């Protein structure tokens, strides 16, 4: 193990565009479904729906949070609708599976998606047995990353000690609350949409391009 990370006993990973490459463009399919939901809800055309969707994402952390705050929607209805997508763009990642298996300590997923969707993604990647728990948007009481309350809820629910934890995430802004709690932080800079929004080196300890490759590097062995 890399000496600077020898104290880490809890490894926390975002899901989308982190455990699989942004080039898979899975979120584009969810994005289309979000736009359709906004169109149906508000009776607007696709261009206006897209504008609303993206503005809510930037202002409220997720489109869902914006729709709940502005329109009082029922979150499960939204999540079931937008996650009803094909996942043929994903494939098993043996390098990541094996690197995670060698990683000492607990492994957790912390996502703004929901548990059922996360399980589908992990299954496609061959990671169904790789993580102890998934902390999802329901468990955060719909207060998404980067809301500091979601990090507090995750740490409390999963008994995480921040100063011996590390958080890996493709959205740079979502690392700031983790760093404030004392976690080591890793930014997956892989070109994901809005990934560099709010980027600041003060709260990013490591910048990487791909999780499996980085894990091999810090573990000291190429598999």
C-alpha atoms as a PDB file:
ATOM      1  CA  UNK A   1       0.000   0.000   0.000  1.00  0.00           C
ATOM      2  CA  UNK A   2       1.121   3.531  -0.718  1.00  0.00           C
ATOM      3  CA  UNK A   3       2.508   4.767   2.641  1.00  0.00           C
ATOM      4  CA  UNK A   4       0.432   7.958   2.564  1.00  0.00           C
ATOM      5  CA  UNK A   5      -2.721   5.812   2.502  1.00  0.00           C
ATOM      6  CA  UNK A   6      -1.672   3.140   4.981  1.00  0.00           C
ATOM      7  CA  UNK A   7      -4.061   4.580   7.598  1.00  0.00           C
ATOM      8  CA  UNK A   8      -7.143   4.216   5.366  1.00  0.00           C
ATOM      9  CA  UNK A   9      -9.488   1.458   6.528  1.00  0.00           C
ATOM     10  CA  UNK A  10     -12.647   2.539   4.692  1.00  0.00           C
ATOM     11  CA  UNK A  11     -12.775   3.104   0.932  1.00  0.00           C
ATOM     12  CA  UNK A  12     -15.853   4.960  -0.309  1.00  0.00           C
ATOM     13  CA  UNK A  13     -16.729   5.169  -3.991  1.00  0.00           C
ATOM     14  CA  UNK A  14     -19.208   7.158  -5.985  1.00  0.00           C
ATOM     15  CA  UNK A  15     -21.014   5.047  -8.599  1.00  0.00           C
ATOM     16  CA  UNK A  16     -21.747   6.719 -11.937  1.00  0.00           C
ATOM     17  CA  UNK A  17     -18.739   7.737 -14.053  1.00  0.00           C
ATOM     18  CA  UNK A  18     -16.486   6.610 -11.207  1.00  0.00           C
ATOM     19  CA  UNK A  19     -16.691   2.813 -11.104  1.00  0.00           C
ATOM     20  CA  UNK A  20     -17.113   2.799 -14.869  1.00  0.00           C
ATOM     21  CA  UNK A  21     -15.658   5.245 -17.433  1.00  0.00           C
ATOM     22  CA  UNK A  22     -17.553   8.354 -18.434  1.00  0.00           C
ATOM     23  CA  UNK A  23     -17.039   7.235 -22.034  1.00  0.00           C
ATOM     24  CA  UNK A  24     -19.696   4.559 -21.451  1.00  0.00           C
ATOM     25  CA  UNK A  25     -22.076   7.535 -21.485  1.00  0.00           C
ATOM     26  CA  UNK A  26     -24.664   5.672 -19.430  1.00  0.00           C
ATOM     27  CA  UNK A  27     -25.806   8.893 -17.854  1.00  0.00           C
ATOM     28  CA  UNK A  28     -26.818  10.191 -21.288  1.00  0.00           C
ATOM     29  CA  UNK A  29     -29.601   7.612 -21.265  1.00  0.00           C
ATOM     30  CA  UNK A  30     -30.697   8.716 -17.805  1.00  0.00           C
ATOM     31  CA  UNK A  31     -30.455  12.317 -18.979  1.00  0.00           C
ATOM     32  CA  UNK A  32     -32.925  11.606 -21.788  1.00  0.00           C
ATOM     33  CA  UNK A  33     -35.343  10.030 -19.318  1.00  0.00           C
ATOM     34  CA  UNK A  34     -34.988  13.029 -16.995  1.00  0.00           C
ATOM     35  CA  UNK A  35     -35.843  15.346 -19.845  1.00  0.00           C
ATOM     36  CA  UNK A  36     -38.902  13.266 -20.672  1.00  0.00           C
ATOM     37  CA  UNK A  37     -40.007  13.376 -17.043  1.00  0.00           C
ATOM     38  CA  UNK A  38     -39.672  17.173 -16.918  1.00  0.00           C
ATOM     39  CA  UNK A  39     -41.558  17.517 -20.214  1.00  0.00           C
ATOM     40  CA  UNK A  40     -44.399  15.342 -18.935  1.00  0.00           C
ATOM     41  CA  UNK A  41     -44.519  17.083 -15.561  1.00  0.00           C
ATOM     42  CA  UNK A  42     -44.397  20.694 -16.731  1.00  0.00           C
ATOM     43  CA  UNK A  43     -45.798  20.447 -20.239  1.00  0.00           C
ATOM     44  CA  UNK A  44     -42.777  22.103 -21.847  1.00  0.00           C
ATOM     45  CA  UNK A  45     -40.856  21.355 -25.043  1.00  0.00           C
ATOM     46  CA  UNK A  46     -37.583  19.357 -25.047  1.00  0.00           C
ATOM     47  CA  UNK A  47     -35.347  22.449 -25.177  1.00  0.00           C
ATOM     48  CA  UNK A  48     -36.983  24.082 -22.176  1.00  0.00           C
ATOM     49  CA  UNK A  49     -37.079  20.780 -20.301  1.00  0.00           C
ATOM     50  CA  UNK A  50     -33.331  20.392 -20.810  1.00  0.00           C
ATOM     51  CA  UNK A  51     -32.679  23.930 -19.577  1.00  0.00           C
ATOM     52  CA  UNK A  52     -34.773  23.380 -16.450  1.00  0.00           C
ATOM     53  CA  UNK A  53     -33.205  20.006 -15.786  1.00  0.00           C
ATOM     54  CA  UNK A  54     -29.634  21.327 -15.964  1.00  0.00           C
ATOM     55  CA  UNK A  55     -30.388  24.436 -13.926  1.00  0.00           C
ATOM     56  CA  UNK A  56     -31.876  22.295 -11.167  1.00  0.00           C
ATOM     57  CA  UNK A  57     -28.822  20.048 -11.237  1.00  0.00           C
ATOM     58  CA  UNK A  58     -26.462  22.994 -10.779  1.00  0.00           C
ATOM     59  CA  UNK A  59     -28.581  24.816  -8.179  1.00  0.00           C
ATOM     60  CA  UNK A  60     -29.839  21.872  -6.110  1.00  0.00           C
ATOM     61  CA  UNK A  61     -27.202  19.128  -6.509  1.00  0.00           C
ATOM     62  CA  UNK A  62     -29.505  16.831  -8.484  1.00  0.00           C
ATOM     63  CA  UNK A  63     -32.399  17.305 -10.866  1.00  0.00           C
ATOM     64  CA  UNK A  64     -34.494  15.311  -8.402  1.00  0.00           C
ATOM     65  CA  UNK A  65     -33.765  17.687  -5.554  1.00  0.00           C
ATOM     66  CA  UNK A  66     -34.744  20.627  -7.713  1.00  0.00           C
ATOM     67  CA  UNK A  67     -38.006  18.984  -8.755  1.00  0.00           C
ATOM     68  CA  UNK A  68     -38.832  18.149  -5.157  1.00  0.00           C
ATOM     69  CA  UNK A  69     -38.032  21.685  -3.971  1.00  0.00           C
ATOM     70  CA  UNK A  70     -39.827  23.476  -6.812  1.00  0.00           C
ATOM     71  CA  UNK A  71     -42.683  21.103  -7.649  1.00  0.00           C
ATOM     72  CA  UNK A  72     -43.115  18.720  -4.718  1.00  0.00           C
ATOM     73  CA  UNK A  73     -42.754  15.531  -6.762  1.00  0.00           C
ATOM     74  CA  UNK A  74     -42.657  12.038  -5.226  1.00  0.00           C
ATOM     75  CA  UNK A  75     -39.012  10.934  -5.481  1.00  0.00           C
ATOM     76  CA  UNK A  76     -39.527   7.213  -6.045  1.00  0.00           C
ATOM     77  CA  UNK A  77     -41.717   7.868  -9.085  1.00  0.00           C
ATOM     78  CA  UNK A  78     -38.947  10.006 -10.598  1.00  0.00           C
ATOM     79  CA  UNK A  79     -36.150   7.560  -9.785  1.00  0.00           C
ATOM     80  CA  UNK A  80     -38.034   4.557 -11.143  1.00  0.00           C
ATOM     81  CA  UNK A  81     -38.735   6.451 -14.375  1.00  0.00           C
ATOM     82  CA  UNK A  82     -35.244   7.815 -15.062  1.00  0.00           C
ATOM     83  CA  UNK A  83     -33.422   4.589 -14.169  1.00  0.00           C
ATOM     84  CA  UNK A  84     -35.510   2.478 -16.539  1.00  0.00           C
ATOM     85  CA  UNK A  85     -32.680   2.185 -19.077  1.00  0.00           C
ATOM     86  CA  UNK A  86     -30.655  -0.481 -20.857  1.00  0.00           C
ATOM     87  CA  UNK A  87     -27.158  -1.112 -19.461  1.00  0.00           C
ATOM     88  CA  UNK A  88     -25.565  -2.829 -22.434  1.00  0.00           C
ATOM     89  CA  UNK A  89     -22.891  -0.080 -22.493  1.00  0.00           C
ATOM     90  CA  UNK A  90     -21.378  -1.593 -19.327  1.00  0.00           C
ATOM     91  CA  UNK A  91     -19.255  -4.738 -19.130  1.00  0.00           C
ATOM     92  CA  UNK A  92     -17.467  -6.663 -16.403  1.00  0.00           C
ATOM     93  CA  UNK A  93     -14.216  -4.993 -15.357  1.00  0.00           C
ATOM     94  CA  UNK A  94     -11.967  -7.790 -14.080  1.00  0.00           C
ATOM     95  CA  UNK A  95      -9.101  -5.449 -13.262  1.00  0.00           C
ATOM     96  CA  UNK A  96     -11.327  -3.373 -10.996  1.00  0.00           C
ATOM     97  CA  UNK A  97     -12.925  -6.477  -9.453  1.00  0.00           C
ATOM     98  CA  UNK A  98      -9.533  -7.923  -8.575  1.00  0.00           C
ATOM     99  CA  UNK A  99      -8.054  -4.620  -7.364  1.00  0.00           C
ATOM    100  CA  UNK A 100     -11.012  -4.013  -5.041  1.00  0.00           C
ATOM    101  CA  UNK A 101     -10.692  -7.547  -3.674  1.00  0.00           C
ATOM    102  CA  UNK A 102      -7.067  -6.839  -2.749  1.00  0.00           C
ATOM    103  CA  UNK A 103      -7.868  -3.497  -1.143  1.00  0.00           C
ATOM    104  CA  UNK A 104      -7.600  -3.746   2.675  1.00  0.00           C
ATOM    105  CA  UNK A 105     -10.525  -2.540   4.754  1.00  0.00           C
ATOM    106  CA  UNK A 106     -14.172  -1.811   4.121  1.00  0.00           C
ATOM    107  CA  UNK A 107     -15.513  -0.863   0.678  1.00  0.00           C
ATOM    108  CA  UNK A 108     -18.700   1.234   0.354  1.00  0.00           C
ATOM    109  CA  UNK A 109     -20.713   2.940  -2.391  1.00  0.00           C
ATOM    110  CA  UNK A 110     -22.057   6.458  -1.790  1.00  0.00           C
ATOM    111  CA  UNK A 111     -24.353   7.567  -4.608  1.00  0.00           C
ATOM    112  CA  UNK A 112     -26.978  10.157  -5.497  1.00  0.00           C
ATOM    113  CA  UNK A 113     -28.776   7.349  -7.326  1.00  0.00           C
ATOM    114  CA  UNK A 114     -30.949   4.752  -5.648  1.00  0.00           C
ATOM    115  CA  UNK A 115     -30.126   1.293  -4.313  1.00  0.00           C
ATOM    116  CA  UNK A 116     -31.909  -0.728  -6.993  1.00  0.00           C
ATOM    117  CA  UNK A 117     -30.183   1.150  -9.808  1.00  0.00           C
ATOM    118  CA  UNK A 118     -26.795   0.874  -8.091  1.00  0.00           C
ATOM    119  CA  UNK A 119     -27.229  -2.892  -7.779  1.00  0.00           C
ATOM    120  CA  UNK A 120     -27.946  -3.168 -11.504  1.00  0.00           C
ATOM    121  CA  UNK A 121     -24.806  -1.189 -12.365  1.00  0.00           C
ATOM    122  CA  UNK A 122     -22.611  -3.176  -9.985  1.00  0.00           C
ATOM    123  CA  UNK A 123     -23.963  -6.421 -11.411  1.00  0.00           C
ATOM    124  CA  UNK A 124     -23.030  -5.413 -14.955  1.00  0.00           C
ATOM    125  CA  UNK A 125     -19.514  -4.490 -13.799  1.00  0.00           C
ATOM    126  CA  UNK A 126     -19.008  -7.785 -11.953  1.00  0.00           C
ATOM    127  CA  UNK A 127     -18.932  -5.926  -8.628  1.00  0.00           C
ATOM    128  CA  UNK A 128     -22.021  -7.402  -6.948  1.00  0.00           C
ATOM    129  CA  UNK A 129     -19.942  -8.869  -4.116  1.00  0.00           C
ATOM    130  CA  UNK A 130     -17.303  -6.132  -3.902  1.00  0.00           C
ATOM    131  CA  UNK A 131     -19.011  -3.711  -1.517  1.00  0.00           C
ATOM    132  CA  UNK A 132     -20.250  -4.020   2.024  1.00  0.00           C
ATOM    133  CA  UNK A 133     -23.048  -1.477   1.629  1.00  0.00           C
ATOM    134  CA  UNK A 134     -24.633   1.132  -0.643  1.00  0.00           C
ATOM    135  CA  UNK A 135     -25.662   4.489   0.791  1.00  0.00           C
ATOM    136  CA  UNK A 136     -28.176   5.943  -1.649  1.00  0.00           C
ATOM    137  CA  UNK A 137     -30.346   9.019  -2.105  1.00  0.00           C
ATOM    138  CA  UNK A 138     -33.168   7.539  -0.010  1.00  0.00           C
ATOM    139  CA  UNK A 139     -30.770   6.956   2.899  1.00  0.00           C
ATOM    140  CA  UNK A 140     -29.677  10.605   2.584  1.00  0.00           C
ATOM    141  CA  UNK A 141     -33.294  11.741   3.007  1.00  0.00           C
ATOM    142  CA  UNK A 142     -33.029  13.199  -0.539  1.00  0.00           C
ATOM    143  CA  UNK A 143     -30.313  15.637   0.438  1.00  0.00           C
ATOM    144  CA  UNK A 144     -27.766  14.800  -2.269  1.00  0.00           C
ATOM    145  CA  UNK A 145     -24.045  15.269  -2.486  1.00  0.00           C
ATOM    146  CA  UNK A 146     -22.569  17.852  -2.091  1.00  0.00           C
ATOM    147  CA  UNK A 147     -24.948  18.730   0.765  1.00  0.00           C
ATOM    148  CA  UNK A 148     -22.815  18.183   3.909  1.00  0.00           C
ATOM    149  CA  UNK A 149     -25.823  16.562   5.603  1.00  0.00           C
ATOM    150  CA  UNK A 150     -25.612  13.630   3.199  1.00  0.00           C
ATOM    151  CA  UNK A 151     -22.005  12.925   4.247  1.00  0.00           C
ATOM    152  CA  UNK A 152     -22.917  13.136   7.925  1.00  0.00           C
ATOM    153  CA  UNK A 153     -25.823  10.737   7.324  1.00  0.00           C
ATOM    154  CA  UNK A 154     -23.594   8.282   5.472  1.00  0.00           C
ATOM    155  CA  UNK A 155     -20.923   8.311   8.170  1.00  0.00           C
ATOM    156  CA  UNK A 156     -23.512   7.825  10.919  1.00  0.00           C
ATOM    157  CA  UNK A 157     -25.448   5.088   9.128  1.00  0.00           C
ATOM    158  CA  UNK A 158     -22.378   3.082   8.111  1.00  0.00           C
ATOM    159  CA  UNK A 159     -20.180   3.832  11.132  1.00  0.00           C
ATOM    160  CA  UNK A 160     -17.479   5.560   9.089  1.00  0.00           C
ATOM    161  CA  UNK A 161     -14.633   7.382  10.822  1.00  0.00           C
ATOM    162  CA  UNK A 162     -13.798  10.157   8.332  1.00  0.00           C
ATOM    163  CA  UNK A 163     -10.136  10.512   9.280  1.00  0.00           C
ATOM    164  CA  UNK A 164      -9.437   6.914   8.288  1.00  0.00           C
ATOM    165  CA  UNK A 165     -11.640   7.011   5.197  1.00  0.00           C
ATOM    166  CA  UNK A 166     -11.035   7.876   1.542  1.00  0.00           C
ATOM    167  CA  UNK A 167     -13.638   9.058  -0.964  1.00  0.00           C
ATOM    168  CA  UNK A 168     -13.391   8.576  -4.749  1.00  0.00           C
ATOM    169  CA  UNK A 169     -15.671  10.715  -6.948  1.00  0.00           C
ATOM    170  CA  UNK A 170     -15.850  12.058 -10.524  1.00  0.00           C
ATOM    171  CA  UNK A 171     -17.624  15.295  -9.508  1.00  0.00           C
ATOM    172  CA  UNK A 172     -14.934  17.553  -8.067  1.00  0.00           C
ATOM    173  CA  UNK A 173     -17.378  19.661  -6.049  1.00  0.00           C
ATOM    174  CA  UNK A 174     -18.586  16.549  -4.210  1.00  0.00           C
ATOM    175  CA  UNK A 175     -15.146  16.101  -2.659  1.00  0.00           C
ATOM    176  CA  UNK A 176     -15.192  19.351  -0.710  1.00  0.00           C
ATOM    177  CA  UNK A 177     -17.478  18.149   2.150  1.00  0.00           C
ATOM    178  CA  UNK A 178     -15.536  14.890   2.388  1.00  0.00           C
ATOM    179  CA  UNK A 179     -12.272  16.779   2.760  1.00  0.00           C
ATOM    180  CA  UNK A 180     -13.844  19.050   5.386  1.00  0.00           C
ATOM    181  CA  UNK A 181     -14.657  15.955   7.451  1.00  0.00           C
ATOM    182  CA  UNK A 182     -11.052  14.785   7.252  1.00  0.00           C
ATOM    183  CA  UNK A 183     -11.258  12.182   4.492  1.00  0.00           C
ATOM    184  CA  UNK A 184      -8.615  11.645   1.862  1.00  0.00           C
ATOM    185  CA  UNK A 185     -10.096  12.585  -1.501  1.00  0.00           C
ATOM    186  CA  UNK A 186      -9.624  11.272  -5.038  1.00  0.00           C
ATOM    187  CA  UNK A 187     -10.985  13.045  -8.119  1.00  0.00           C
ATOM    188  CA  UNK A 188     -11.619  10.855 -11.163  1.00  0.00           C
ATOM    189  CA  UNK A 189     -10.986  13.378 -13.918  1.00  0.00           C
ATOM    190  CA  UNK A 190     -12.402  11.478 -16.872  1.00  0.00           C
ATOM    191  CA  UNK A 191     -14.425  14.068 -18.735  1.00  0.00           C
ATOM    192  CA  UNK A 192     -17.790  13.488 -17.070  1.00  0.00           C
ATOM    193  CA  UNK A 193     -20.388  16.221 -17.561  1.00  0.00           C
ATOM    194  CA  UNK A 194     -19.793  19.055 -15.053  1.00  0.00           C
ATOM    195  CA  UNK A 195     -17.041  16.912 -13.494  1.00  0.00           C
ATOM    196  CA  UNK A 196     -14.679  19.861 -13.052  1.00  0.00           C
ATOM    197  CA  UNK A 197     -17.385  22.210 -11.718  1.00  0.00           C
ATOM    198  CA  UNK A 198     -16.144  23.711  -8.466  1.00  0.00           C
ATOM    199  CA  UNK A 199     -12.713  22.146  -8.847  1.00  0.00           C
ATOM    200  CA  UNK A 200     -10.219  23.308  -6.231  1.00  0.00           C
ATOM    201  CA  UNK A 201      -6.890  21.584  -5.480  1.00  0.00           C
ATOM    202  CA  UNK A 202      -7.252  22.528  -1.820  1.00  0.00           C
ATOM    203  CA  UNK A 203      -9.730  19.700  -1.297  1.00  0.00           C
ATOM    204  CA  UNK A 204      -8.390  17.160  -3.805  1.00  0.00           C
ATOM    205  CA  UNK A 205      -5.574  14.900  -2.626  1.00  0.00           C
ATOM    206  CA  UNK A 206      -5.266  12.750  -5.753  1.00  0.00           C
ATOM    207  CA  UNK A 207      -6.335  13.320  -9.354  1.00  0.00           C
ATOM    208  CA  UNK A 208      -6.674  10.170 -11.437  1.00  0.00           C
ATOM    209  CA  UNK A 209      -8.109   9.090 -14.782  1.00  0.00           C
ATOM    210  CA  UNK A 210      -9.327   5.571 -13.963  1.00  0.00           C
ATOM    211  CA  UNK A 211     -10.044   3.794 -10.687  1.00  0.00           C
ATOM    212  CA  UNK A 212      -8.783   0.278 -11.451  1.00  0.00           C
ATOM    213  CA  UNK A 213      -5.436   1.518 -12.737  1.00  0.00           C
ATOM    214  CA  UNK A 214      -4.968   3.787  -9.712  1.00  0.00           C
ATOM    215  CA  UNK A 215      -5.790   1.006  -7.262  1.00  0.00           C
ATOM    216  CA  UNK A 216      -3.172  -1.191  -8.894  1.00  0.00           C
ATOM    217  CA  UNK A 217      -0.647   1.613  -8.545  1.00  0.00           C
ATOM    218  CA  UNK A 218      -1.259   2.247  -4.845  1.00  0.00           C
ATOM    219  CA  UNK A 219      -1.302  -1.475  -4.089  1.00  0.00           C
ATOM    220  CA  UNK A 220       2.113  -1.775  -5.703  1.00  0.00           C
ATOM    221  CA  UNK A 221       1.387  -4.501  -8.221  1.00  0.00           C
ATOM    222  CA  UNK A 222       0.201  -4.526 -11.780  1.00  0.00           C
ATOM    223  CA  UNK A 223      -2.253  -7.389 -12.290  1.00  0.00           C
END
